[in-house]
Amino acid sequence: MSERSDQSSGKPTLALVGATGAVGTVMREIISNRVDVYGEIRLVASARSAGKVLPVRGEDVVVQALTAEVFDGVDIAIFDVPDEVSAEWVPIAAGRGAIVIDKSGTFRMNPEVPLVVPEVNPGDARNRPLGIIATPNCTTLSMMAAMGALHAEYGLRELVVASYQAVSGAGVAGPARLYDEVEALAGDRTVGQAAGDVRKVLQNKLGDVESPFPAPIAFNVVPWAGSLKDDGWASEEIKLRNESRKILGIPDLKVSATCVRVPVVTTHSLAVHATFEREITVADAHRVLEAAPTVVLMDDPGSGVYPMPIDVVGTDPTYVGRIRQALDFPNTLDLFVCGDNLRKGAALNAAEIAELIAAEFAGAVA
């Protein structure tokens, strides 16, 4: 381990794969503003982005093309690329000695790959027989710090979740499409009052330009996120169920989710109905969540204090509010959660995992 990293400092070499994308941009910002635990940082992207010069940690770094050789001497590699790219290149990076933190869905449910949220299951990051650690889907991550804290004390049994997912979860094309639709509809105070009129205006003004969404997103909500799975379920809903079970270590956790895309640029929101093994009150939840280091409690509805995307976007914590004792369900709370899907929901979680690994290098040198 120490032979590959900086011998004198114990700081590992880090590669960011997908450094030019939306999450990669946030990743570079996060790494630049957190404690410096790395030696060399390599920025890696597709061949068409190679040669670009991008800032990270106060330095201008030339982007390198994704090749096998780029991982020579790399200790930690963070991948933010499509599933098919991860499937091909993550094993190559791991095979050349890098510990890989992968953001795609490719390895999340592999029993030999830990699925890690540092606030919930940091110890799992050490059990990586394939040299790969997965990070969850952004929707799951938006609630996991809060649910992990409550589960640790009261034992989670059931989850019913409705998500309100920002368009940036669909990649850079998501916000671009929302802005285009808003611009096309702006100023017309008659639109949105008759069935089909939004579609008609957008067709007239935007034509057949491809959208990342199956329906208009401006002036609308779309009860669909992801791809079609068995029995009418969307892939985002299945991910939330399976990933929650694995992260929390509850293989038989009962989960039902409905994922909805909403006209918000960035920050996912979730309405959570959570049932626990033991009796839990609103006061109990407040106590637990106030003590959770990466959770912010915003729960004073009488004063208009509750989490909303416009107040959460661009920040790192998980925000929780609207905590209520369920009226007709024992040991159950209803609550509302918000988290920036590009930060904690993506880049930040991977950065935090990388810091856990970097601490192993520092410990080995010490």
Protein backbone atom coordinates (compact mmCIF):
# COMPACT_ATOMS: atom_id res chain seq x y z
CA MET A 1 0.00 0.00 0.00
CA SER A 2 2.63 2.54 1.04
CA GLU A 3 4.81 1.59 -1.95
CA ARG A 4 2.24 3.14 -4.29
CA SER A 5 1.52 6.29 -2.27
CA ASP A 6 3.77 9.17 -1.27
CA GLN A 7 6.23 7.50 1.11
CA SER A 8 6.89 10.60 3.21
CA SER A 9 3.31 11.80 3.65
CA GLY A 10 1.24 8.64 3.32
CA LYS A 11 -0.98 10.50 0.87
CA PRO A 12 -2.42 8.29 -1.88
CA THR A 13 -2.68 9.13 -5.55
CA LEU A 14 -6.29 9.79 -6.60
CA ALA A 15 -7.87 9.47 -10.03
CA LEU A 16 -11.23 11.08 -10.83
CA VAL A 17 -12.82 9.28 -13.77
CA GLY A 18 -15.58 11.31 -15.37
CA ALA A 19 -14.01 14.53 -14.12
CA THR A 20 -15.65 16.73 -16.77
CA GLY A 21 -19.28 15.75 -16.09
CA ALA A 22 -21.82 17.43 -13.81
CA VAL A 23 -20.97 15.30 -10.79
CA GLY A 24 -17.28 15.34 -11.68
CA THR A 25 -17.36 19.14 -11.57
CA VAL A 26 -18.91 19.04 -8.10
CA MET A 27 -16.38 16.38 -7.08
CA ARG A 28 -13.47 18.62 -8.02
CA GLU A 29 -14.99 21.44 -5.98
CA ILE A 30 -15.60 19.22 -2.96
CA ILE A 31 -12.08 17.76 -3.02
CA SER A 32 -10.65 21.26 -3.36
CA ASN A 33 -12.53 22.50 -0.29
CA ARG A 34 -12.12 19.56 2.10
CA VAL A 35 -9.06 18.47 4.06
CA ASP A 36 -6.24 17.66 1.64
CA VAL A 37 -5.54 13.94 2.04
CA TYR A 38 -4.15 13.19 -1.44
CA GLY A 39 -0.82 13.33 -3.16
CA GLU A 40 -1.23 13.49 -6.94
CA ILE A 41 -4.71 13.96 -8.38
CA ARG A 42 -5.35 12.75 -11.93
CA LEU A 43 -8.37 13.89 -13.92
CA VAL A 44 -9.63 11.29 -16.38
CA ALA A 45 -12.38 11.45 -18.98
CA SER A 46 -13.26 10.26 -22.48
CA ALA A 47 -10.86 10.80 -25.35
CA ARG A 48 -12.85 13.78 -26.60
CA SER A 49 -12.24 15.61 -23.29
CA ALA A 50 -8.56 14.70 -23.05
CA GLY A 51 -6.30 17.73 -23.08
CA LYS A 52 -8.73 20.04 -21.32
CA VAL A 53 -7.25 21.93 -18.36
CA LEU A 54 -9.44 21.98 -15.25
CA PRO A 55 -8.87 23.34 -11.74
CA VAL A 56 -8.66 21.07 -8.72
CA ARG A 57 -7.14 21.79 -5.31
CA GLY A 58 -5.85 25.17 -6.52
CA GLU A 59 -3.96 23.71 -9.48
CA ASP A 60 -4.66 23.47 -13.19
CA VAL A 61 -4.61 19.80 -14.20
CA VAL A 62 -4.66 18.39 -17.72
CA VAL A 63 -7.42 15.84 -18.31
CA GLN A 64 -6.11 12.44 -19.42
CA ALA A 65 -7.92 9.97 -21.66
CA LEU A 66 -9.37 6.84 -20.09
CA THR A 67 -6.83 4.10 -20.73
CA ALA A 68 -5.54 1.17 -18.69
CA GLU A 69 -2.17 2.88 -18.25
CA VAL A 70 -3.73 5.95 -16.60
CA PHE A 71 -4.28 3.84 -13.46
CA ASP A 72 -0.63 2.86 -13.05
CA GLY A 73 0.44 4.18 -9.66
CA VAL A 74 -3.13 5.16 -8.69
CA ASP A 75 -4.20 4.19 -5.17
CA ILE A 76 -7.83 5.35 -5.20
CA ALA A 77 -10.04 5.84 -8.26
CA ILE A 78 -13.48 7.45 -8.13
CA PHE A 79 -15.68 6.59 -11.12
CA ASP A 80 -18.62 8.74 -12.19
CA VAL A 81 -19.46 7.28 -15.59
CA PRO A 82 -22.38 5.38 -17.19
CA ASP A 83 -23.00 1.79 -16.14
CA GLU A 84 -21.57 0.29 -19.31
CA VAL A 85 -18.34 2.27 -18.92
CA SER A 86 -17.99 1.20 -15.29
CA ALA A 87 -18.62 -2.42 -16.22
CA GLU A 88 -15.66 -2.32 -18.59
CA TRP A 89 -13.18 -0.04 -16.81
CA VAL A 90 -13.70 -0.51 -13.06
CA PRO A 91 -12.25 -4.08 -13.12
CA ILE A 92 -9.32 -2.77 -15.17
CA ALA A 93 -8.56 -0.06 -12.62
CA ALA A 94 -8.92 -2.50 -9.72
CA GLY A 95 -6.75 -5.01 -11.55
CA ARG A 96 -3.97 -2.43 -11.76
CA GLY A 97 -4.04 -1.94 -8.00
CA ALA A 98 -6.44 0.93 -7.44
CA ILE A 99 -9.18 0.81 -4.82
CA VAL A 100 -12.21 1.83 -6.88
CA ILE A 101 -15.19 3.82 -5.61
CA ASP A 102 -17.89 3.44 -8.24
CA LYS A 103 -20.97 5.62 -8.51
CA SER A 104 -22.76 3.64 -11.18
CA GLY A 105 -25.35 0.96 -10.55
CA THR A 106 -23.14 -1.77 -11.99
CA PHE A 107 -21.73 -3.24 -8.77
CA ARG A 108 -24.13 -2.04 -6.07
CA MET A 109 -25.88 -5.36 -5.54
CA ASN A 110 -22.81 -7.55 -6.06
CA PRO A 111 -22.43 -9.46 -2.75
CA GLU A 112 -18.64 -9.03 -2.94
CA VAL A 113 -18.89 -5.24 -3.28
CA PRO A 114 -19.76 -3.16 -0.20
CA LEU A 115 -22.39 -0.44 -0.66
CA VAL A 116 -21.24 2.31 1.66
CA VAL A 117 -22.65 5.44 3.29
CA PRO A 118 -19.96 6.60 5.74
CA GLU A 119 -22.48 7.85 8.33
CA VAL A 120 -24.21 4.46 8.37
CA ASN A 121 -21.82 1.59 7.58
CA PRO A 122 -18.22 2.88 7.35
CA GLY A 123 -16.77 -0.44 8.47
CA ASP A 124 -18.08 -2.13 5.33
CA ALA A 125 -15.57 -0.12 3.27
CA ARG A 126 -12.77 -2.34 4.57
CA ASN A 127 -14.40 -5.52 3.26
CA ARG A 128 -13.65 -5.19 -0.45
CA PRO A 129 -12.43 -8.51 -1.89
CA LEU A 130 -12.70 -7.19 -5.46
CA GLY A 131 -11.04 -3.88 -4.64
CA ILE A 132 -14.35 -2.13 -5.42
CA ILE A 133 -16.68 -0.06 -3.23
CA ALA A 134 -20.07 1.07 -4.55
CA THR A 135 -21.90 4.24 -3.63
CA PRO A 136 -25.73 4.29 -3.69
CA ASN A 137 -28.19 5.95 -6.01
CA CYS A 138 -28.78 9.65 -5.31
CA THR A 139 -32.38 9.05 -4.20
CA THR A 140 -31.38 6.49 -1.59
CA LEU A 141 -28.56 8.73 -0.39
CA SER A 142 -30.88 11.68 0.11
CA MET A 143 -32.51 9.96 3.08
CA MET A 144 -29.91 7.48 4.28
CA ALA A 145 -28.03 9.57 6.87
CA ALA A 146 -31.31 10.32 8.64
CA MET A 147 -32.78 6.83 8.36
CA GLY A 148 -29.50 5.23 9.40
CA ALA A 149 -29.40 7.32 12.57
CA LEU A 150 -32.98 6.45 13.48
CA HIS A 151 -32.50 2.77 12.63
CA ALA A 152 -29.43 2.50 14.86
CA GLU A 153 -31.52 3.34 17.93
CA TYR A 154 -35.06 2.20 17.12
CA GLY A 155 -34.71 -0.58 14.52
CA LEU A 156 -36.28 0.20 11.16
CA ARG A 157 -38.86 -2.32 9.96
CA GLU A 158 -40.78 -0.75 7.08
CA LEU A 159 -40.38 2.16 4.66
CA VAL A 160 -42.93 3.71 2.35
CA VAL A 161 -41.35 6.50 0.31
CA ALA A 162 -42.51 8.99 -2.30
CA SER A 163 -39.64 10.82 -3.97
CA TYR A 164 -39.71 14.24 -5.63
CA GLN A 165 -36.61 14.06 -7.82
CA ALA A 166 -34.81 17.01 -9.37
CA VAL A 167 -34.13 17.11 -13.10
CA SER A 168 -30.35 17.16 -12.56
CA GLY A 169 -30.69 13.53 -11.54
CA ALA A 170 -31.07 12.83 -15.26
CA GLY A 171 -27.67 14.37 -16.03
CA VAL A 172 -26.74 17.67 -17.66
CA ALA A 173 -29.56 17.27 -20.20
CA GLY A 174 -32.15 17.46 -17.40
CA PRO A 175 -31.69 21.09 -16.31
CA ALA A 176 -31.15 22.15 -19.92
CA ARG A 177 -34.52 20.69 -20.87
CA LEU A 178 -36.31 22.28 -17.90
CA TYR A 179 -34.87 25.72 -18.66
CA ASP A 180 -35.86 25.36 -22.33
CA GLU A 181 -39.42 24.40 -21.41
CA VAL A 182 -39.77 27.19 -18.84
CA GLU A 183 -38.55 29.72 -21.40
CA ALA A 184 -40.98 28.39 -24.00
CA LEU A 185 -43.93 28.62 -21.62
CA ALA A 186 -43.02 31.87 -19.85
CA GLY A 187 -45.35 34.82 -20.26
CA ASP A 188 -48.37 32.80 -21.35
CA ARG A 189 -50.81 32.91 -18.45
CA THR A 190 -53.34 30.76 -20.23
CA VAL A 191 -51.14 27.70 -20.58
CA GLY A 192 -51.62 24.85 -18.12
CA GLN A 193 -55.38 25.28 -17.89
CA ALA A 194 -56.48 22.77 -20.51
CA ALA A 195 -55.49 19.18 -21.13
CA GLY A 196 -52.72 18.97 -23.70
CA ASP A 197 -52.03 22.70 -23.98
CA VAL A 198 -48.53 22.44 -22.42
CA ARG A 199 -47.59 19.70 -24.88
CA LYS A 200 -48.95 21.76 -27.79
CA VAL A 201 -46.97 24.90 -26.88
CA LEU A 202 -43.76 22.96 -26.36
CA GLN A 203 -44.20 21.11 -29.64
CA ASN A 204 -44.71 24.39 -31.47
CA LYS A 205 -41.73 26.12 -29.85
CA LEU A 206 -39.24 23.30 -29.28
CA GLY A 207 -40.24 20.89 -32.02
CA ASP A 208 -38.95 17.34 -31.81
CA VAL A 209 -35.81 18.12 -29.79
CA GLU A 210 -35.12 15.02 -27.70
CA SER A 211 -35.96 15.25 -24.00
CA PRO A 212 -34.50 13.11 -21.20
CA PHE A 213 -38.03 12.89 -19.75
CA PRO A 214 -41.02 10.94 -21.09
CA ALA A 215 -43.32 13.97 -20.75
CA PRO A 216 -43.09 17.75 -20.27
CA ILE A 217 -41.43 18.58 -16.97
CA ALA A 218 -42.27 22.29 -16.71
CA PHE A 219 -45.71 22.94 -15.16
CA ASN A 220 -45.87 19.21 -14.48
CA VAL A 221 -44.76 16.27 -12.38
CA VAL A 222 -43.88 12.97 -14.02
CA PRO A 223 -44.54 9.79 -11.97
CA TRP A 224 -41.64 7.99 -13.57
CA ALA A 225 -37.86 7.91 -13.05
CA GLY A 226 -35.59 5.33 -14.59
CA SER A 227 -36.33 2.35 -16.80
CA LEU A 228 -39.17 -0.16 -16.79
CA LYS A 229 -38.76 -3.21 -14.57
CA ASP A 230 -41.04 -6.17 -13.84
CA ASP A 231 -44.68 -5.58 -12.90
CA GLY A 232 -44.65 -1.88 -13.74
CA TRP A 233 -41.96 -0.82 -11.30
CA ALA A 234 -39.41 1.83 -12.27
CA SER A 235 -35.72 1.13 -11.81
CA GLU A 236 -35.35 4.05 -9.37
CA GLU A 237 -37.97 2.46 -7.12
CA ILE A 238 -36.30 -0.93 -7.16
CA LYS A 239 -32.91 0.65 -6.47
CA LEU A 240 -34.25 2.45 -3.41
CA ARG A 241 -35.64 -0.81 -2.01
CA ASN A 242 -32.61 -2.98 -2.66
CA GLU A 243 -29.99 -0.42 -1.68
CA SER A 244 -31.72 0.50 1.59
CA ARG A 245 -31.76 -3.17 2.59
CA LYS A 246 -28.06 -3.63 1.82
CA ILE A 247 -26.77 -0.41 3.43
CA LEU A 248 -28.76 -0.83 6.62
CA GLY A 249 -28.07 -4.56 6.83
CA ILE A 250 -31.78 -5.46 6.88
CA PRO A 251 -32.27 -8.00 4.08
CA ASP A 252 -35.99 -8.38 4.79
CA LEU A 253 -36.78 -4.65 5.21
CA LYS A 254 -40.22 -3.94 3.77
CA VAL A 255 -39.94 -1.08 1.27
CA SER A 256 -42.35 0.45 -1.22
CA ALA A 257 -41.44 3.51 -3.26
CA THR A 258 -42.99 5.77 -5.87
CA CYS A 259 -40.45 7.94 -7.67
CA VAL A 260 -41.61 11.20 -9.24
CA ARG A 261 -39.68 13.72 -11.34
CA VAL A 262 -40.49 17.35 -10.45
CA PRO A 263 -39.53 20.71 -12.01
CA VAL A 264 -36.70 21.40 -9.57
CA VAL A 265 -33.17 21.87 -10.89
CA THR A 266 -31.18 20.27 -8.07
CA THR A 267 -32.09 18.64 -4.71
CA HIS A 268 -34.17 15.53 -4.24
CA SER A 269 -36.98 15.47 -1.68
CA LEU A 270 -38.61 12.43 -0.11
CA ALA A 271 -41.78 11.93 1.92
CA VAL A 272 -40.95 9.02 4.23
CA HIS A 273 -43.34 6.81 6.22
CA ALA A 274 -41.09 4.80 8.55
CA THR A 275 -42.13 2.04 10.95
CA PHE A 276 -39.76 0.91 13.72
CA GLU A 277 -39.42 -2.11 15.98
CA ARG A 278 -39.64 -0.01 19.12
CA GLU A 279 -41.89 2.85 20.19
CA ILE A 280 -40.62 6.17 18.89
CA THR A 281 -41.92 9.70 19.42
CA VAL A 282 -41.32 12.96 17.58
CA ALA A 283 -39.19 14.08 20.52
CA ASP A 284 -37.11 10.91 20.19
CA ALA A 285 -36.56 11.58 16.50
CA HIS A 286 -35.56 15.18 17.20
CA ARG A 287 -33.00 14.03 19.76
CA VAL A 288 -31.46 11.44 17.44
CA LEU A 289 -31.37 13.66 14.37
CA GLU A 290 -29.99 16.68 16.22
CA ALA A 291 -27.08 14.49 17.32
CA ALA A 292 -26.40 13.16 13.81
CA PRO A 293 -23.39 15.14 12.52
CA THR A 294 -24.47 15.45 8.88
CA VAL A 295 -28.20 15.98 9.48
CA VAL A 296 -29.89 19.38 9.91
CA LEU A 297 -33.26 19.44 11.65
CA MET A 298 -35.71 21.99 10.18
CA ASP A 299 -38.96 21.20 11.94
CA ASP A 300 -41.06 24.16 13.00
CA PRO A 301 -43.99 24.20 10.57
CA GLY A 302 -45.84 26.81 12.61
CA SER A 303 -43.08 29.24 11.68
CA GLY A 304 -42.76 27.98 8.12
CA VAL A 305 -39.56 26.06 8.85
CA TYR A 306 -39.23 22.82 6.89
CA PRO A 307 -36.79 21.53 4.27
CA MET A 308 -37.21 22.77 0.70
CA PRO A 309 -34.95 22.42 -2.34
CA ILE A 310 -34.51 26.18 -2.74
CA ASP A 311 -32.86 26.32 0.69
CA VAL A 312 -30.92 23.06 0.48
CA VAL A 313 -29.34 23.20 -2.99
CA GLY A 314 -25.57 23.66 -2.94
CA THR A 315 -25.17 22.40 0.64
CA ASP A 316 -23.88 19.10 2.03
CA PRO A 317 -26.15 17.94 4.90
CA THR A 318 -29.34 15.94 4.88
CA TYR A 319 -32.24 18.17 5.98
CA VAL A 320 -35.23 16.71 7.84
CA GLY A 321 -38.55 18.22 8.90
CA ARG A 322 -42.33 17.76 9.03
CA ILE A 323 -41.78 14.97 11.58
CA ARG A 324 -45.13 13.65 12.72
CA GLN A 325 -46.38 10.72 14.74
CA ALA A 326 -48.44 8.62 12.33
CA LEU A 327 -52.06 8.81 13.44
CA ASP A 328 -53.10 5.28 12.55
CA PHE A 329 -49.85 3.30 12.57
CA PRO A 330 -47.99 2.27 15.76
CA ASN A 331 -44.24 2.92 16.10
CA THR A 332 -44.37 5.00 12.92
CA LEU A 333 -43.21 8.47 11.91
CA ASP A 334 -43.89 10.52 8.82
CA LEU A 335 -41.18 12.96 7.79
CA PHE A 336 -39.83 15.00 4.88
CA VAL A 337 -36.21 14.86 3.75
CA CYS A 338 -34.18 16.97 1.33
CA GLY A 339 -30.63 16.47 0.04
CA ASP A 340 -28.64 17.98 -2.81
CA ASN A 341 -28.48 15.09 -5.28
CA LEU A 342 -25.23 16.29 -6.87
CA ARG A 343 -23.44 16.70 -3.54
CA LYS A 344 -24.42 14.25 -0.79
CA GLY A 345 -26.45 12.33 -3.32
CA ALA A 346 -23.42 11.80 -5.53
CA ALA A 347 -20.02 13.48 -5.25
CA LEU A 348 -19.81 14.02 -1.49
CA ASN A 349 -20.57 10.42 -0.52
CA ALA A 350 -17.84 9.18 -2.87
CA ALA A 351 -15.42 11.78 -1.50
CA GLU A 352 -16.18 10.70 2.07
CA ILE A 353 -15.54 7.06 1.18
CA ALA A 354 -12.27 8.05 -0.47
CA GLU A 355 -11.25 9.83 2.74
CA LEU A 356 -11.88 6.61 4.69
CA ILE A 357 -9.53 4.80 2.32
CA ALA A 358 -6.96 7.61 2.46
CA ALA A 359 -6.93 7.23 6.25
CA GLU A 360 -5.89 3.59 5.77
CA PHE A 361 -2.85 4.77 3.80
CA ALA A 362 -2.00 7.32 6.47
CA GLY A 363 -2.33 4.65 9.14
CA ALA A 364 -0.10 2.26 7.21
CA VAL A 365 2.65 4.88 7.00
CA ALA A 366 2.27 5.83 10.66
